Amino acid sequence: MALGDRRSRVRLEVVGALWATLELTEPARVVNISRDGALITSPVPMPPESVQPLHLKLEGREVTVDARVRHIRRVSGPDEPIRYLVGVEFLSVPPALARATDWPQV
């Protein structure tokens, strides 16, 4: 016996690429930071080569930096909470980040 179409709403057909954005706000810890990027530990994986906005707290103020995920590695053991080491490359260094870290701006 066929059940038929039981959808309560109309579905739309997508022709071509459909882009979407998923924003997860999970706290992460900076392990190491340099002028070019950072190594962070995160409870969620990030897709390699994706561009992610990082919200850093510097001297009580939040600074947003766009960064490209360059590598990711799972570092937790079987009995530990899942954690990932994520290496990111900064796409630009905001003046507030350069001032807080004494890096010259380029």
N, C-alpha and C. Protein backbone atom coordinates (compact mmCIF):
# COMPACT_ATOMS: atom_id res chain seq x y z
N MET A 1 0.84 -1.18 0.00
CA MET A 1 0.00 0.00 0.00
C MET A 1 0.88 1.24 0.00
N ALA A 2 0.72 2.11 -0.97
CA ALA A 2 1.51 3.33 -1.05
C ALA A 2 0.99 4.35 -0.05
N LEU A 3 1.93 5.02 0.60
CA LEU A 3 1.54 6.01 1.60
C LEU A 3 1.23 7.36 0.99
N GLY A 4 1.76 7.65 -0.19
CA GLY A 4 1.48 8.94 -0.83
C GLY A 4 2.31 10.06 -0.21
N ASP A 5 2.11 11.24 -0.68
CA ASP A 5 2.83 12.42 -0.21
C ASP A 5 2.13 12.97 1.02
N ARG A 6 2.77 12.88 2.15
CA ARG A 6 2.15 13.32 3.41
C ARG A 6 2.74 14.64 3.92
N ARG A 7 3.45 15.38 3.08
CA ARG A 7 4.04 16.66 3.52
C ARG A 7 2.95 17.68 3.80
N SER A 8 3.15 18.44 4.84
CA SER A 8 2.16 19.46 5.16
C SER A 8 2.49 20.79 4.48
N ARG A 9 3.72 20.94 3.98
CA ARG A 9 4.12 22.17 3.31
C ARG A 9 4.71 21.83 1.94
N VAL A 10 4.69 22.79 1.05
CA VAL A 10 5.24 22.63 -0.29
C VAL A 10 6.76 22.67 -0.19
N ARG A 11 7.43 21.76 -0.91
CA ARG A 11 8.89 21.79 -0.98
C ARG A 11 9.29 22.52 -2.24
N LEU A 12 10.39 23.27 -2.14
CA LEU A 12 10.88 24.02 -3.29
C LEU A 12 12.08 23.31 -3.88
N GLU A 13 12.13 23.23 -5.19
CA GLU A 13 13.26 22.62 -5.86
C GLU A 13 14.37 23.65 -6.01
N VAL A 14 15.59 23.28 -5.66
CA VAL A 14 16.75 24.16 -5.79
C VAL A 14 17.55 23.71 -6.99
N VAL A 15 17.74 24.63 -7.92
CA VAL A 15 18.53 24.33 -9.11
C VAL A 15 19.85 25.08 -8.96
N GLY A 16 20.97 24.35 -8.94
CA GLY A 16 22.27 24.98 -8.76
C GLY A 16 22.69 24.93 -7.31
N ALA A 17 23.71 25.71 -7.00
CA ALA A 17 24.28 25.72 -5.64
C ALA A 17 23.40 26.52 -4.70
N LEU A 18 23.27 26.03 -3.50
CA LEU A 18 22.53 26.73 -2.45
C LEU A 18 23.50 26.96 -1.30
N TRP A 19 23.78 28.20 -1.01
CA TRP A 19 24.72 28.54 0.05
C TRP A 19 23.96 28.79 1.34
N ALA A 20 24.56 28.42 2.43
CA ALA A 20 23.95 28.64 3.74
C ALA A 20 25.04 29.02 4.73
N THR A 21 24.63 29.59 5.82
CA THR A 21 25.55 29.96 6.88
C THR A 21 25.10 29.31 8.17
N LEU A 22 26.05 28.74 8.86
CA LEU A 22 25.78 28.13 10.16
C LEU A 22 26.72 28.77 11.15
N GLU A 23 26.18 29.40 12.14
CA GLU A 23 27.02 30.06 13.13
C GLU A 23 26.87 29.34 14.46
N LEU A 24 27.98 28.84 14.96
CA LEU A 24 28.00 28.19 16.26
C LEU A 24 28.81 29.05 17.20
N THR A 25 28.28 29.31 18.33
CA THR A 25 29.02 30.09 19.31
C THR A 25 29.45 29.15 20.42
N GLU A 26 30.64 28.64 20.29
CA GLU A 26 31.21 27.75 21.28
C GLU A 26 32.50 28.38 21.79
N PRO A 27 32.69 28.37 23.10
CA PRO A 27 33.95 28.94 23.60
C PRO A 27 35.13 28.06 23.19
N ALA A 28 36.20 28.71 22.80
CA ALA A 28 37.44 28.04 22.43
C ALA A 28 38.57 28.73 23.18
N ARG A 29 39.67 28.04 23.31
CA ARG A 29 40.81 28.59 24.04
C ARG A 29 41.99 28.78 23.08
N VAL A 30 42.62 29.95 23.15
CA VAL A 30 43.80 30.21 22.33
C VAL A 30 44.98 29.53 22.99
N VAL A 31 45.64 28.65 22.24
CA VAL A 31 46.81 27.94 22.74
C VAL A 31 48.07 28.74 22.41
N ASN A 32 48.09 29.29 21.19
CA ASN A 32 49.25 30.03 20.71
C ASN A 32 48.73 31.05 19.70
N ILE A 33 49.34 32.23 19.70
CA ILE A 33 48.91 33.26 18.75
C ILE A 33 50.14 33.97 18.21
N SER A 34 50.08 34.30 16.93
CA SER A 34 51.15 35.06 16.29
C SER A 34 50.51 36.11 15.40
N ARG A 35 51.34 36.87 14.73
CA ARG A 35 50.82 37.90 13.84
C ARG A 35 50.03 37.29 12.68
N ASP A 36 50.41 36.10 12.26
CA ASP A 36 49.78 35.47 11.09
C ASP A 36 48.59 34.59 11.41
N GLY A 37 48.46 34.14 12.66
CA GLY A 37 47.36 33.24 12.96
C GLY A 37 47.40 32.76 14.40
N ALA A 38 46.65 31.70 14.65
CA ALA A 38 46.55 31.19 16.01
C ALA A 38 46.29 29.69 15.98
N LEU A 39 46.61 29.06 17.08
CA LEU A 39 46.25 27.67 17.33
C LEU A 39 45.25 27.70 18.46
N ILE A 40 44.06 27.16 18.21
CA ILE A 40 43.03 27.17 19.24
C ILE A 40 42.58 25.75 19.52
N THR A 41 42.02 25.55 20.69
CA THR A 41 41.41 24.28 21.03
C THR A 41 39.91 24.52 21.10
N SER A 42 39.15 23.67 20.43
CA SER A 42 37.72 23.89 20.26
C SER A 42 36.95 22.59 20.50
N PRO A 43 35.73 22.69 21.04
CA PRO A 43 34.90 21.49 21.21
C PRO A 43 34.20 21.06 19.92
N VAL A 44 34.25 21.90 18.89
CA VAL A 44 33.60 21.56 17.61
C VAL A 44 34.62 21.65 16.49
N PRO A 45 34.54 20.75 15.50
CA PRO A 45 35.46 20.84 14.37
C PRO A 45 35.03 21.96 13.43
N MET A 46 35.99 22.47 12.68
CA MET A 46 35.70 23.48 11.67
C MET A 46 36.19 22.96 10.34
N PRO A 47 35.44 23.18 9.27
CA PRO A 47 35.86 22.65 7.97
C PRO A 47 37.17 23.29 7.49
N PRO A 48 38.14 22.48 7.08
CA PRO A 48 39.38 23.05 6.53
C PRO A 48 39.09 23.96 5.34
N GLU A 49 39.85 25.03 5.25
CA GLU A 49 39.77 26.06 4.21
C GLU A 49 38.54 26.95 4.34
N SER A 50 37.71 26.75 5.37
CA SER A 50 36.57 27.65 5.58
C SER A 50 37.05 28.92 6.24
N VAL A 51 36.32 29.99 6.03
CA VAL A 51 36.62 31.28 6.67
C VAL A 51 35.66 31.44 7.83
N GLN A 52 36.23 31.67 9.01
CA GLN A 52 35.44 31.76 10.23
C GLN A 52 35.70 33.10 10.91
N PRO A 53 34.67 33.74 11.44
CA PRO A 53 34.92 34.93 12.26
C PRO A 53 35.29 34.46 13.67
N LEU A 54 36.42 34.93 14.18
CA LEU A 54 36.83 34.62 15.55
C LEU A 54 36.59 35.85 16.40
N HIS A 55 35.93 35.65 17.51
CA HIS A 55 35.65 36.75 18.44
C HIS A 55 36.59 36.59 19.62
N LEU A 56 37.61 37.45 19.68
CA LEU A 56 38.61 37.39 20.73
C LEU A 56 38.33 38.45 21.77
N LYS A 57 38.55 38.11 23.04
CA LYS A 57 38.40 39.10 24.10
C LYS A 57 39.79 39.59 24.48
N LEU A 58 40.02 40.88 24.25
CA LEU A 58 41.30 41.51 24.55
C LEU A 58 41.08 42.67 25.49
N GLU A 59 41.68 42.58 26.65
CA GLU A 59 41.58 43.66 27.64
C GLU A 59 40.13 44.05 27.88
N GLY A 60 39.26 43.05 27.97
CA GLY A 60 37.85 43.29 28.26
C GLY A 60 37.00 43.69 27.06
N ARG A 61 37.61 43.84 25.89
CA ARG A 61 36.85 44.22 24.69
C ARG A 61 36.90 43.08 23.69
N GLU A 62 35.82 42.95 22.92
CA GLU A 62 35.76 41.90 21.91
C GLU A 62 36.24 42.43 20.57
N VAL A 63 37.13 41.66 19.95
CA VAL A 63 37.66 41.99 18.63
C VAL A 63 37.32 40.82 17.71
N THR A 64 36.81 41.12 16.53
CA THR A 64 36.49 40.08 15.56
C THR A 64 37.55 40.03 14.47
N VAL A 65 38.04 38.83 14.21
CA VAL A 65 39.08 38.61 13.21
C VAL A 65 38.58 37.53 12.26
N ASP A 66 38.64 37.78 10.96
CA ASP A 66 38.33 36.74 9.99
C ASP A 66 39.56 35.86 9.82
N ALA A 67 39.35 34.54 9.88
CA ALA A 67 40.47 33.62 9.80
C ALA A 67 40.09 32.43 8.93
N ARG A 68 41.09 31.91 8.21
CA ARG A 68 40.89 30.72 7.38
C ARG A 68 41.43 29.52 8.14
N VAL A 69 40.61 28.47 8.22
CA VAL A 69 41.03 27.24 8.90
C VAL A 69 42.04 26.53 7.99
N ARG A 70 43.24 26.32 8.50
CA ARG A 70 44.29 25.69 7.71
C ARG A 70 44.49 24.22 8.05
N HIS A 71 44.29 23.85 9.31
CA HIS A 71 44.36 22.43 9.67
C HIS A 71 43.58 22.18 10.95
N ILE A 72 43.18 20.92 11.13
CA ILE A 72 42.40 20.53 12.30
C ILE A 72 42.81 19.10 12.67
N ARG A 73 42.89 18.87 13.98
CA ARG A 73 43.27 17.53 14.46
C ARG A 73 42.53 17.25 15.77
N ARG A 74 41.94 16.08 15.86
CA ARG A 74 41.27 15.67 17.09
C ARG A 74 42.34 15.30 18.11
N VAL A 75 42.21 15.82 19.33
CA VAL A 75 43.25 15.59 20.34
C VAL A 75 42.73 14.92 21.61
N SER A 76 41.45 14.70 21.73
CA SER A 76 40.92 14.10 22.96
C SER A 76 41.04 12.59 22.91
N GLY A 77 41.15 12.01 24.08
CA GLY A 77 41.21 10.56 24.18
C GLY A 77 39.82 9.96 24.27
N PRO A 78 39.71 8.64 24.34
CA PRO A 78 38.41 7.98 24.35
C PRO A 78 37.56 8.30 25.59
N ASP A 79 38.20 8.62 26.72
CA ASP A 79 37.45 8.91 27.95
C ASP A 79 37.38 10.39 28.26
N GLU A 80 37.79 11.24 27.33
CA GLU A 80 37.79 12.69 27.53
C GLU A 80 36.74 13.34 26.65
N PRO A 81 36.33 14.56 26.99
CA PRO A 81 35.42 15.29 26.09
C PRO A 81 36.13 15.51 24.75
N ILE A 82 35.37 15.52 23.68
CA ILE A 82 35.94 15.70 22.34
C ILE A 82 36.50 17.12 22.23
N ARG A 83 37.76 17.23 21.80
CA ARG A 83 38.43 18.52 21.57
C ARG A 83 39.20 18.45 20.27
N TYR A 84 39.37 19.58 19.64
CA TYR A 84 40.11 19.68 18.39
C TYR A 84 41.14 20.79 18.49
N LEU A 85 42.32 20.56 17.94
CA LEU A 85 43.29 21.63 17.75
C LEU A 85 43.06 22.17 16.35
N VAL A 86 42.84 23.47 16.27
CA VAL A 86 42.51 24.11 14.99
C VAL A 86 43.53 25.21 14.72
N GLY A 87 44.23 25.09 13.60
CA GLY A 87 45.16 26.13 13.18
C GLY A 87 44.48 27.06 12.21
N VAL A 88 44.51 28.35 12.52
CA VAL A 88 43.85 29.34 11.66
C VAL A 88 44.86 30.39 11.21
N GLU A 89 44.63 30.90 10.01
CA GLU A 89 45.43 31.98 9.46
C GLU A 89 44.58 33.24 9.45
N PHE A 90 45.08 34.31 10.04
CA PHE A 90 44.34 35.57 10.04
C PHE A 90 44.34 36.15 8.63
N LEU A 91 43.17 36.58 8.17
CA LEU A 91 43.06 37.20 6.86
C LEU A 91 43.35 38.69 6.94
N SER A 92 43.17 39.25 8.11
CA SER A 92 43.52 40.65 8.36
C SER A 92 43.72 40.79 9.87
N VAL A 93 44.51 41.76 10.25
CA VAL A 93 44.75 42.01 11.67
C VAL A 93 44.11 43.35 12.01
N PRO A 94 43.01 43.34 12.78
CA PRO A 94 42.38 44.60 13.16
C PRO A 94 43.33 45.43 14.01
N PRO A 95 43.25 46.75 13.94
CA PRO A 95 44.13 47.61 14.73
C PRO A 95 44.09 47.30 16.23
N ALA A 96 42.91 46.95 16.77
CA ALA A 96 42.81 46.65 18.20
C ALA A 96 43.65 45.43 18.57
N LEU A 97 43.70 44.43 17.70
CA LEU A 97 44.52 43.24 17.95
C LEU A 97 46.00 43.58 17.84
N ALA A 98 46.37 44.39 16.85
CA ALA A 98 47.76 44.80 16.70
C ALA A 98 48.22 45.61 17.91
N ARG A 99 47.36 46.51 18.41
CA ARG A 99 47.72 47.31 19.58
C ARG A 99 47.87 46.45 20.83
N ALA A 100 46.95 45.51 21.01
CA ALA A 100 46.95 44.68 22.22
C ALA A 100 48.17 43.75 22.26
N THR A 101 48.70 43.42 21.11
CA THR A 101 49.82 42.48 21.05
C THR A 101 51.13 43.14 20.66
N ASP A 102 51.11 44.45 20.46
CA ASP A 102 52.30 45.22 20.05
C ASP A 102 52.87 44.78 18.71
N TRP A 103 52.02 44.30 17.81
CA TRP A 103 52.47 43.95 16.47
C TRP A 103 52.36 45.18 15.60
N PRO A 104 53.31 45.42 14.74
CA PRO A 104 53.17 46.54 13.79
C PRO A 104 52.07 46.21 12.77
N GLN A 105 51.33 47.23 12.38
CA GLN A 105 50.28 47.03 11.39
C GLN A 105 50.89 47.03 10.00
N VAL A 106 50.33 46.21 9.10
CA VAL A 106 50.80 46.21 7.72
C VAL A 106 49.64 46.53 6.79
